[in-house]
Amino acid sequence: MSTRRKTAELATAYHEAGHAVVAWMLRIGIRKQGISIIANSDSSGRIHHCFALGERPDVATSDRGRLRAEKLAMVSLAGMEAQRKFSPRSVRNFHASSDYQNAVDLMSHYTCSDEELGAYLRLLLVRTRQLVSLPDSRTCVGALVAELTRRKKLSGSEVNTVLCAAMSGPSL
């Protein structure tokens, strides 16, 4: 594999691991399909999480729905933040455009203006950066990246196993 391709794969692994770790830390489960860094026609990688809003935000804007939407928006923002934290030279604006748009779409139902939406997204981005920067998050991202670059695809239960092992530390 070429150096350029390895670098791109590593960047994708950090990106997808960021989504997975923040989802896991926010108690959003990973579906059976799990996480993959195998490119397809739509993306370089993907994660399947199992956290539905539970209500249509365009119809009902309850506090519970807003908090769920915040968590999903943070998961969407986490991929680029993890990639930026661990591999800053690999970041390109187009990498997270659909992730950012997903966060915008989620949170736009809970704001009254573009100004408020922008401020809300900046707050969620700050929270996401802080979460990705925690020592436990860095450990988990590193462990997940190691497995993803080795195996290319992990099921939801395998992701959980890797993250639980990373949190418990080395066995004595």
N, C-alpha and C. Protein backbone atom coordinates (compact mmCIF):
# COMPACT_ATOMS: atom_id res chain seq x y z
N MET A 1 0.85 -1.18 0.00
CA MET A 1 0.00 0.00 0.00
C MET A 1 0.90 1.24 0.00
N SER A 2 0.56 2.23 -0.81
CA SER A 2 1.37 3.44 -0.92
C SER A 2 1.29 4.26 0.37
N THR A 3 2.29 5.10 0.58
CA THR A 3 2.32 5.95 1.76
C THR A 3 1.12 6.88 1.78
N ARG A 4 0.76 7.43 0.64
CA ARG A 4 -0.39 8.34 0.56
C ARG A 4 -1.68 7.63 0.95
N ARG A 5 -1.82 6.41 0.46
CA ARG A 5 -3.03 5.64 0.77
C ARG A 5 -3.07 5.26 2.25
N LYS A 6 -1.92 4.89 2.83
CA LYS A 6 -1.86 4.58 4.26
C LYS A 6 -2.22 5.80 5.09
N THR A 7 -1.72 6.97 4.68
CA THR A 7 -2.02 8.20 5.40
C THR A 7 -3.51 8.51 5.35
N ALA A 8 -4.12 8.34 4.19
CA ALA A 8 -5.56 8.58 4.04
C ALA A 8 -6.36 7.59 4.88
N GLU A 9 -5.92 6.33 4.89
CA GLU A 9 -6.61 5.32 5.70
C GLU A 9 -6.50 5.65 7.19
N LEU A 10 -5.35 6.09 7.63
CA LEU A 10 -5.15 6.45 9.03
C LEU A 10 -6.03 7.64 9.40
N ALA A 11 -6.09 8.64 8.52
CA ALA A 11 -6.95 9.80 8.78
C ALA A 11 -8.41 9.37 8.89
N THR A 12 -8.84 8.46 8.02
CA THR A 12 -10.21 7.95 8.08
C THR A 12 -10.44 7.19 9.38
N ALA A 13 -9.46 6.41 9.80
CA ALA A 13 -9.58 5.66 11.05
C ALA A 13 -9.75 6.61 12.24
N TYR A 14 -8.96 7.67 12.28
CA TYR A 14 -9.12 8.66 13.36
C TYR A 14 -10.49 9.31 13.32
N HIS A 15 -10.93 9.65 12.12
CA HIS A 15 -12.22 10.29 11.94
C HIS A 15 -13.35 9.39 12.46
N GLU A 16 -13.38 8.16 11.98
CA GLU A 16 -14.45 7.24 12.38
C GLU A 16 -14.34 6.86 13.86
N ALA A 17 -13.12 6.70 14.36
CA ALA A 17 -12.92 6.40 15.78
C ALA A 17 -13.44 7.56 16.64
N GLY A 18 -13.24 8.78 16.18
CA GLY A 18 -13.77 9.94 16.92
C GLY A 18 -15.28 9.87 17.07
N HIS A 19 -15.96 9.56 15.96
CA HIS A 19 -17.43 9.39 16.03
C HIS A 19 -17.78 8.30 17.04
N ALA A 20 -17.11 7.16 16.94
CA ALA A 20 -17.45 6.01 17.79
C ALA A 20 -17.18 6.28 19.27
N VAL A 21 -16.06 6.89 19.57
CA VAL A 21 -15.71 7.13 20.98
C VAL A 21 -16.66 8.13 21.61
N VAL A 22 -16.98 9.20 20.91
CA VAL A 22 -17.92 10.18 21.47
C VAL A 22 -19.31 9.55 21.61
N ALA A 23 -19.73 8.76 20.63
CA ALA A 23 -21.02 8.06 20.76
C ALA A 23 -21.01 7.17 22.00
N TRP A 24 -19.93 6.43 22.17
CA TRP A 24 -19.82 5.51 23.30
C TRP A 24 -19.82 6.28 24.63
N MET A 25 -19.10 7.39 24.68
CA MET A 25 -19.03 8.19 25.92
C MET A 25 -20.36 8.86 26.24
N LEU A 26 -21.15 9.15 25.21
CA LEU A 26 -22.46 9.76 25.42
C LEU A 26 -23.57 8.71 25.55
N ARG A 27 -23.16 7.45 25.67
CA ARG A 27 -24.07 6.32 25.86
C ARG A 27 -24.98 6.09 24.66
N ILE A 28 -24.41 6.29 23.48
CA ILE A 28 -25.11 5.99 22.24
C ILE A 28 -24.50 4.69 21.73
N GLY A 29 -25.30 3.67 21.63
CA GLY A 29 -24.78 2.37 21.22
C GLY A 29 -24.34 2.34 19.77
N ILE A 30 -23.48 1.39 19.47
CA ILE A 30 -23.02 1.17 18.11
C ILE A 30 -23.79 -0.05 17.57
N ARG A 31 -24.41 0.09 16.42
CA ARG A 31 -25.19 -1.00 15.84
C ARG A 31 -24.31 -2.19 15.48
N LYS A 32 -24.98 -3.30 15.20
CA LYS A 32 -24.28 -4.53 14.85
C LYS A 32 -23.33 -4.33 13.67
N GLN A 33 -23.72 -3.48 12.70
CA GLN A 33 -22.87 -3.23 11.53
C GLN A 33 -21.56 -2.55 11.92
N GLY A 34 -21.53 -1.87 13.04
CA GLY A 34 -20.32 -1.31 13.61
C GLY A 34 -19.70 -0.15 12.87
N ILE A 35 -18.41 -0.29 12.60
CA ILE A 35 -17.60 0.79 12.06
C ILE A 35 -16.69 0.22 10.98
N SER A 36 -16.45 1.02 9.95
CA SER A 36 -15.63 0.54 8.84
C SER A 36 -14.80 1.68 8.27
N ILE A 37 -13.59 1.34 7.81
CA ILE A 37 -12.77 2.30 7.08
C ILE A 37 -12.56 1.81 5.65
N ILE A 38 -13.46 0.96 5.20
CA ILE A 38 -13.45 0.47 3.82
C ILE A 38 -14.26 1.47 2.99
N ALA A 39 -13.61 2.09 2.02
CA ALA A 39 -14.28 3.10 1.20
C ALA A 39 -15.36 2.48 0.34
N ASN A 40 -16.41 3.26 0.11
CA ASN A 40 -17.44 2.89 -0.86
C ASN A 40 -17.73 4.13 -1.70
N SER A 41 -18.76 4.09 -2.49
CA SER A 41 -19.05 5.23 -3.37
C SER A 41 -19.50 6.47 -2.61
N ASP A 42 -19.97 6.30 -1.37
CA ASP A 42 -20.47 7.43 -0.59
C ASP A 42 -19.44 8.05 0.35
N SER A 43 -18.50 7.23 0.88
CA SER A 43 -17.59 7.75 1.90
C SER A 43 -16.35 6.89 2.03
N SER A 44 -15.40 7.43 2.77
CA SER A 44 -14.16 6.69 3.06
C SER A 44 -14.33 5.74 4.23
N GLY A 45 -15.34 6.00 5.05
CA GLY A 45 -15.61 5.17 6.22
C GLY A 45 -16.98 5.50 6.77
N ARG A 46 -17.41 4.71 7.73
CA ARG A 46 -18.73 4.95 8.30
C ARG A 46 -18.86 4.28 9.66
N ILE A 47 -19.80 4.82 10.43
CA ILE A 47 -20.15 4.22 11.72
C ILE A 47 -21.67 4.12 11.75
N HIS A 48 -22.16 3.04 12.33
CA HIS A 48 -23.60 2.83 12.47
C HIS A 48 -23.93 2.90 13.95
N HIS A 49 -24.57 3.99 14.36
CA HIS A 49 -24.96 4.08 15.77
C HIS A 49 -26.47 3.92 15.89
N CYS A 50 -26.91 3.57 17.08
CA CYS A 50 -28.33 3.23 17.26
C CYS A 50 -29.00 4.20 18.22
N PHE A 51 -29.05 5.43 17.81
CA PHE A 51 -29.64 6.45 18.67
C PHE A 51 -30.59 7.27 17.84
N ALA A 52 -31.85 6.97 17.94
CA ALA A 52 -32.86 7.73 17.20
C ALA A 52 -33.36 8.87 18.06
N LEU A 53 -33.85 9.89 17.42
CA LEU A 53 -34.38 11.03 18.17
C LEU A 53 -35.62 10.64 18.97
N GLY A 54 -36.38 9.70 18.50
CA GLY A 54 -37.57 9.29 19.23
C GLY A 54 -38.79 10.13 18.91
N GLU A 55 -38.57 11.25 18.26
CA GLU A 55 -39.67 12.11 17.84
C GLU A 55 -39.19 12.91 16.64
N ARG A 56 -40.11 13.42 15.88
CA ARG A 56 -39.72 14.24 14.74
C ARG A 56 -39.48 15.67 15.24
N PRO A 57 -38.24 16.16 15.16
CA PRO A 57 -37.96 17.49 15.69
C PRO A 57 -38.66 18.60 14.92
N ASP A 58 -39.09 18.33 13.69
CA ASP A 58 -39.81 19.36 12.94
C ASP A 58 -41.26 19.49 13.42
N VAL A 59 -41.69 18.53 14.25
CA VAL A 59 -43.05 18.56 14.78
C VAL A 59 -43.04 18.83 16.29
N ALA A 60 -42.22 18.11 17.02
CA ALA A 60 -42.14 18.24 18.47
C ALA A 60 -40.72 18.67 18.85
N THR A 61 -40.61 19.73 19.62
CA THR A 61 -39.30 20.23 20.02
C THR A 61 -39.17 20.22 21.54
N SER A 62 -39.34 19.06 22.13
CA SER A 62 -39.26 18.93 23.57
C SER A 62 -37.82 19.05 24.04
N ASP A 63 -37.65 19.30 25.34
CA ASP A 63 -36.31 19.35 25.92
C ASP A 63 -35.60 18.01 25.76
N ARG A 64 -36.34 16.93 25.94
CA ARG A 64 -35.74 15.60 25.78
C ARG A 64 -35.23 15.41 24.35
N GLY A 65 -36.04 15.80 23.38
CA GLY A 65 -35.64 15.71 21.98
C GLY A 65 -34.43 16.58 21.68
N ARG A 66 -34.39 17.77 22.26
CA ARG A 66 -33.27 18.69 22.05
C ARG A 66 -31.98 18.09 22.61
N LEU A 67 -32.05 17.50 23.79
CA LEU A 67 -30.85 16.88 24.38
C LEU A 67 -30.37 15.70 23.54
N ARG A 68 -31.28 14.92 23.03
CA ARG A 68 -30.91 13.80 22.16
C ARG A 68 -30.28 14.33 20.87
N ALA A 69 -30.85 15.39 20.32
CA ALA A 69 -30.31 16.00 19.10
C ALA A 69 -28.91 16.56 19.36
N GLU A 70 -28.69 17.16 20.52
CA GLU A 70 -27.36 17.67 20.88
C GLU A 70 -26.33 16.54 20.87
N LYS A 71 -26.69 15.42 21.47
CA LYS A 71 -25.76 14.28 21.50
C LYS A 71 -25.44 13.80 20.09
N LEU A 72 -26.47 13.68 19.26
CA LEU A 72 -26.24 13.24 17.88
C LEU A 72 -25.39 14.25 17.11
N ALA A 73 -25.64 15.54 17.34
CA ALA A 73 -24.83 16.57 16.68
C ALA A 73 -23.38 16.47 17.12
N MET A 74 -23.15 16.22 18.41
CA MET A 74 -21.78 16.09 18.91
C MET A 74 -21.09 14.87 18.29
N VAL A 75 -21.82 13.78 18.14
CA VAL A 75 -21.25 12.60 17.48
C VAL A 75 -20.88 12.96 16.04
N SER A 76 -21.74 13.70 15.36
CA SER A 76 -21.44 14.11 13.99
C SER A 76 -20.19 14.99 13.93
N LEU A 77 -20.03 15.89 14.88
CA LEU A 77 -18.89 16.80 14.90
C LEU A 77 -17.59 16.13 15.36
N ALA A 78 -17.70 15.02 16.05
CA ALA A 78 -16.54 14.38 16.68
C ALA A 78 -15.54 13.79 15.69
N GLY A 79 -15.99 13.35 14.54
CA GLY A 79 -15.08 12.75 13.58
C GLY A 79 -13.98 13.70 13.16
N MET A 80 -14.36 14.88 12.73
CA MET A 80 -13.37 15.86 12.29
C MET A 80 -12.50 16.33 13.45
N GLU A 81 -13.08 16.46 14.62
CA GLU A 81 -12.30 16.90 15.77
C GLU A 81 -11.23 15.87 16.15
N ALA A 82 -11.59 14.61 16.11
CA ALA A 82 -10.59 13.57 16.40
C ALA A 82 -9.52 13.54 15.31
N GLN A 83 -9.94 13.64 14.08
CA GLN A 83 -8.98 13.65 12.98
C GLN A 83 -8.04 14.85 13.12
N ARG A 84 -8.60 16.01 13.46
CA ARG A 84 -7.80 17.23 13.62
C ARG A 84 -6.84 17.10 14.80
N LYS A 85 -7.28 16.49 15.88
CA LYS A 85 -6.46 16.36 17.08
C LYS A 85 -5.28 15.41 16.85
N PHE A 86 -5.53 14.32 16.18
CA PHE A 86 -4.53 13.27 16.06
C PHE A 86 -3.74 13.32 14.76
N SER A 87 -4.31 13.92 13.73
CA SER A 87 -3.65 13.95 12.43
C SER A 87 -3.99 15.27 11.72
N PRO A 88 -3.56 16.41 12.28
CA PRO A 88 -4.01 17.72 11.78
C PRO A 88 -3.69 17.98 10.32
N ARG A 89 -2.59 17.46 9.83
CA ARG A 89 -2.21 17.71 8.44
C ARG A 89 -3.10 16.96 7.45
N SER A 90 -3.88 16.00 7.94
CA SER A 90 -4.74 15.21 7.05
C SER A 90 -6.10 15.86 6.81
N VAL A 91 -6.42 16.91 7.53
CA VAL A 91 -7.76 17.49 7.49
C VAL A 91 -7.97 18.32 6.23
N ARG A 92 -9.06 18.03 5.56
CA ARG A 92 -9.52 18.80 4.41
C ARG A 92 -10.97 19.18 4.69
N ASN A 93 -11.38 20.37 4.27
CA ASN A 93 -12.73 20.85 4.57
C ASN A 93 -13.83 19.91 4.12
N PHE A 94 -13.63 19.24 2.99
CA PHE A 94 -14.69 18.37 2.47
C PHE A 94 -14.86 17.11 3.31
N HIS A 95 -13.88 16.76 4.14
CA HIS A 95 -13.97 15.54 4.92
C HIS A 95 -15.21 15.48 5.82
N ALA A 96 -15.57 16.57 6.39
CA ALA A 96 -16.66 16.54 7.36
C ALA A 96 -17.87 17.37 6.92
N SER A 97 -17.95 17.71 5.65
CA SER A 97 -19.05 18.56 5.22
C SER A 97 -20.41 17.91 5.48
N SER A 98 -20.54 16.62 5.22
CA SER A 98 -21.83 15.97 5.47
C SER A 98 -22.08 15.80 6.97
N ASP A 99 -21.02 15.58 7.75
CA ASP A 99 -21.17 15.50 9.21
C ASP A 99 -21.65 16.83 9.77
N TYR A 100 -21.03 17.92 9.32
CA TYR A 100 -21.41 19.25 9.80
C TYR A 100 -22.84 19.57 9.37
N GLN A 101 -23.18 19.22 8.13
CA GLN A 101 -24.53 19.47 7.66
C GLN A 101 -25.56 18.69 8.47
N ASN A 102 -25.20 17.48 8.88
CA ASN A 102 -26.07 16.69 9.72
C ASN A 102 -26.32 17.40 11.06
N ALA A 103 -25.26 17.96 11.65
CA ALA A 103 -25.41 18.70 12.91
C ALA A 103 -26.29 19.93 12.70
N VAL A 104 -26.09 20.64 11.60
CA VAL A 104 -26.91 21.81 11.28
C VAL A 104 -28.38 21.40 11.15
N ASP A 105 -28.63 20.34 10.40
CA ASP A 105 -30.01 19.88 10.20
C ASP A 105 -30.67 19.50 11.52
N LEU A 106 -29.93 18.81 12.38
CA LEU A 106 -30.49 18.41 13.68
C LEU A 106 -30.85 19.62 14.53
N MET A 107 -29.91 20.55 14.66
CA MET A 107 -30.09 21.64 15.60
C MET A 107 -30.94 22.78 15.05
N SER A 108 -31.13 22.84 13.75
CA SER A 108 -31.94 23.92 13.18
C SER A 108 -33.39 23.87 13.65
N HIS A 109 -33.84 22.71 14.09
CA HIS A 109 -35.21 22.58 14.58
C HIS A 109 -35.38 23.19 15.97
N TYR A 110 -34.30 23.52 16.63
CA TYR A 110 -34.35 24.01 18.01
C TYR A 110 -33.90 25.46 18.13
N THR A 111 -33.77 26.15 17.02
CA THR A 111 -33.35 27.55 17.05
C THR A 111 -34.29 28.39 16.20
N CYS A 112 -34.24 29.70 16.44
CA CYS A 112 -35.14 30.62 15.74
C CYS A 112 -34.46 31.44 14.65
N SER A 113 -33.13 31.44 14.64
CA SER A 113 -32.42 32.26 13.65
C SER A 113 -31.08 31.61 13.29
N ASP A 114 -30.52 32.06 12.18
CA ASP A 114 -29.20 31.58 11.78
C ASP A 114 -28.14 31.98 12.80
N GLU A 115 -28.30 33.16 13.40
CA GLU A 115 -27.35 33.61 14.41
C GLU A 115 -27.36 32.68 15.63
N GLU A 116 -28.56 32.33 16.08
CA GLU A 116 -28.69 31.41 17.22
C GLU A 116 -28.16 30.03 16.86
N LEU A 117 -28.47 29.56 15.66
CA LEU A 117 -27.99 28.25 15.21
C LEU A 117 -26.46 28.23 15.18
N GLY A 118 -25.85 29.27 14.66
CA GLY A 118 -24.39 29.35 14.62
C GLY A 118 -23.78 29.30 16.01
N ALA A 119 -24.37 30.04 16.94
CA ALA A 119 -23.87 30.05 18.32
C ALA A 119 -24.05 28.68 18.97
N TYR A 120 -25.17 28.06 18.73
CA TYR A 120 -25.47 26.73 19.29
C TYR A 120 -24.45 25.70 18.78
N LEU A 121 -24.19 25.74 17.48
CA LEU A 121 -23.23 24.80 16.89
C LEU A 121 -21.82 25.05 17.42
N ARG A 122 -21.46 26.33 17.62
CA ARG A 122 -20.14 26.63 18.20
C ARG A 122 -20.02 26.06 19.61
N LEU A 123 -21.10 26.17 20.41
CA LEU A 123 -21.10 25.61 21.76
C LEU A 123 -20.93 24.09 21.70
N LEU A 124 -21.68 23.43 20.84
CA LEU A 124 -21.57 21.98 20.71
C LEU A 124 -20.19 21.57 20.21
N LEU A 125 -19.60 22.38 19.35
CA LEU A 125 -18.26 22.09 18.86
C LEU A 125 -17.24 22.20 20.00
N VAL A 126 -17.38 23.21 20.85
CA VAL A 126 -16.50 23.35 22.02
C VAL A 126 -16.64 22.14 22.93
N ARG A 127 -17.87 21.74 23.20
CA ARG A 127 -18.11 20.56 24.06
C ARG A 127 -17.49 19.31 23.44
N THR A 128 -17.65 19.17 22.12
CA THR A 128 -17.11 18.00 21.43
C THR A 128 -15.58 18.00 21.50
N ARG A 129 -14.96 19.15 21.25
CA ARG A 129 -13.49 19.25 21.34
C ARG A 129 -13.01 18.86 22.72
N GLN A 130 -13.70 19.34 23.75
CA GLN A 130 -13.30 19.01 25.12
C GLN A 130 -13.42 17.52 25.38
N LEU A 131 -14.48 16.92 24.90
CA LEU A 131 -14.69 15.48 25.08
C LEU A 131 -13.61 14.68 24.35
N VAL A 132 -13.30 15.06 23.14
CA VAL A 132 -12.26 14.36 22.36
C VAL A 132 -10.89 14.54 23.00
N SER A 133 -10.68 15.65 23.70
CA SER A 133 -9.37 15.95 24.31
C SER A 133 -9.14 15.26 25.65
N LEU A 134 -10.16 14.69 26.25
CA LEU A 134 -9.98 14.02 27.54
C LEU A 134 -8.98 12.87 27.40
N PRO A 135 -8.17 12.63 28.42
CA PRO A 135 -7.21 11.52 28.35
C PRO A 135 -7.87 10.18 28.02
N ASP A 136 -9.00 9.89 28.63
CA ASP A 136 -9.70 8.62 28.34
C ASP A 136 -10.13 8.55 26.88
N SER A 137 -10.59 9.67 26.33
CA SER A 137 -10.99 9.70 24.92
C SER A 137 -9.80 9.44 24.02
N ARG A 138 -8.68 10.08 24.32
CA ARG A 138 -7.48 9.88 23.49
C ARG A 138 -7.04 8.42 23.53
N THR A 139 -7.10 7.82 24.71
CA THR A 139 -6.74 6.40 24.84
C THR A 139 -7.68 5.53 24.01
N CYS A 140 -8.96 5.81 24.10
CA CYS A 140 -9.95 5.01 23.36
C CYS A 140 -9.81 5.20 21.86
N VAL A 141 -9.60 6.42 21.41
CA VAL A 141 -9.42 6.67 19.98
C VAL A 141 -8.19 5.91 19.49
N GLY A 142 -7.10 5.99 20.23
CA GLY A 142 -5.87 5.28 19.83
C GLY A 142 -6.08 3.78 19.71
N ALA A 143 -6.78 3.20 20.69
CA ALA A 143 -7.04 1.76 20.67
C ALA A 143 -7.92 1.38 19.48
N LEU A 144 -8.93 2.18 19.22
CA LEU A 144 -9.84 1.88 18.12
C LEU A 144 -9.15 2.06 16.76
N VAL A 145 -8.31 3.08 16.64
CA VAL A 145 -7.56 3.29 15.40
C VAL A 145 -6.64 2.10 15.14
N ALA A 146 -5.98 1.61 16.17
CA ALA A 146 -5.08 0.47 16.01
C ALA A 146 -5.84 -0.75 15.46
N GLU A 147 -7.02 -1.01 16.01
CA GLU A 147 -7.81 -2.15 15.54
C GLU A 147 -8.37 -1.90 14.14
N LEU A 148 -8.83 -0.69 13.89
CA LEU A 148 -9.41 -0.39 12.57
C LEU A 148 -8.36 -0.48 11.46
N THR A 149 -7.17 0.02 11.71
CA THR A 149 -6.15 -0.05 10.66
C THR A 149 -5.68 -1.48 10.45
N ARG A 150 -5.81 -2.30 11.47
CA ARG A 150 -5.43 -3.70 11.33
C ARG A 150 -6.51 -4.52 10.65
N ARG A 151 -7.78 -4.30 11.05
CA ARG A 151 -8.87 -5.17 10.59
C ARG A 151 -9.82 -4.52 9.59
N LYS A 152 -9.81 -3.21 9.48
CA LYS A 152 -10.61 -2.42 8.53
C LYS A 152 -12.09 -2.30 8.88
N LYS A 153 -12.63 -3.24 9.62
CA LYS A 153 -14.06 -3.22 9.95
C LYS A 153 -14.24 -3.92 11.29
N LEU A 154 -15.09 -3.32 12.16
CA LEU A 154 -15.39 -3.92 13.45
C LEU A 154 -16.90 -3.90 13.66
N SER A 155 -17.43 -4.96 14.24
CA SER A 155 -18.85 -4.99 14.58
C SER A 155 -19.09 -4.10 15.79
N GLY A 156 -20.34 -3.84 16.08
CA GLY A 156 -20.68 -3.04 17.26
C GLY A 156 -20.14 -3.65 18.54
N SER A 157 -20.27 -4.96 18.69
CA SER A 157 -19.78 -5.61 19.91
C SER A 157 -18.25 -5.57 19.97
N GLU A 158 -17.58 -5.66 18.82
CA GLU A 158 -16.12 -5.57 18.81
C GLU A 158 -15.65 -4.16 19.18
N VAL A 159 -16.38 -3.14 18.72
CA VAL A 159 -16.06 -1.77 19.12
C VAL A 159 -16.18 -1.64 20.62
N ASN A 160 -17.26 -2.14 21.18
CA ASN A 160 -17.48 -2.08 22.62
C ASN A 160 -16.37 -2.80 23.38
N THR A 161 -15.96 -3.95 22.89
CA THR A 161 -14.88 -4.72 23.54
C THR A 161 -13.57 -3.93 23.53
N VAL A 162 -13.24 -3.33 22.39
CA VAL A 162 -12.00 -2.54 22.28
C VAL A 162 -12.05 -1.35 23.24
N LEU A 163 -13.17 -0.65 23.29
CA LEU A 163 -13.27 0.54 24.14
C LEU A 163 -13.29 0.18 25.62
N CYS A 164 -13.96 -0.89 25.98
CA CYS A 164 -13.94 -1.33 27.38
C CYS A 164 -12.53 -1.75 27.80
N ALA A 165 -11.82 -2.44 26.94
CA ALA A 165 -10.45 -2.85 27.24
C ALA A 165 -9.55 -1.64 27.36
N ALA A 166 -9.73 -0.64 26.51
CA ALA A 166 -8.91 0.58 26.58
C ALA A 166 -9.16 1.33 27.87
N MET A 167 -10.39 1.33 28.34
CA MET A 167 -10.72 2.04 29.58
C MET A 167 -10.22 1.32 30.81
N SER A 168 -10.12 -0.01 30.73
CA SER A 168 -9.67 -0.76 31.90
C SER A 168 -8.16 -0.81 32.01
N GLY A 169 -7.46 -0.47 30.93
CA GLY A 169 -6.00 -0.46 30.95
C GLY A 169 -5.42 -1.84 30.82
N PRO A 170 -4.10 -1.90 30.83
CA PRO A 170 -3.43 -3.21 30.68
C PRO A 170 -3.69 -4.13 31.85
N SER A 171 -3.82 -5.40 31.54
CA SER A 171 -4.01 -6.40 32.59
C SER A 171 -2.68 -6.72 33.26
N LEU A 172 -2.72 -6.96 34.54
CA LEU A 172 -1.50 -7.33 35.28
C LEU A 172 -1.46 -8.80 35.58
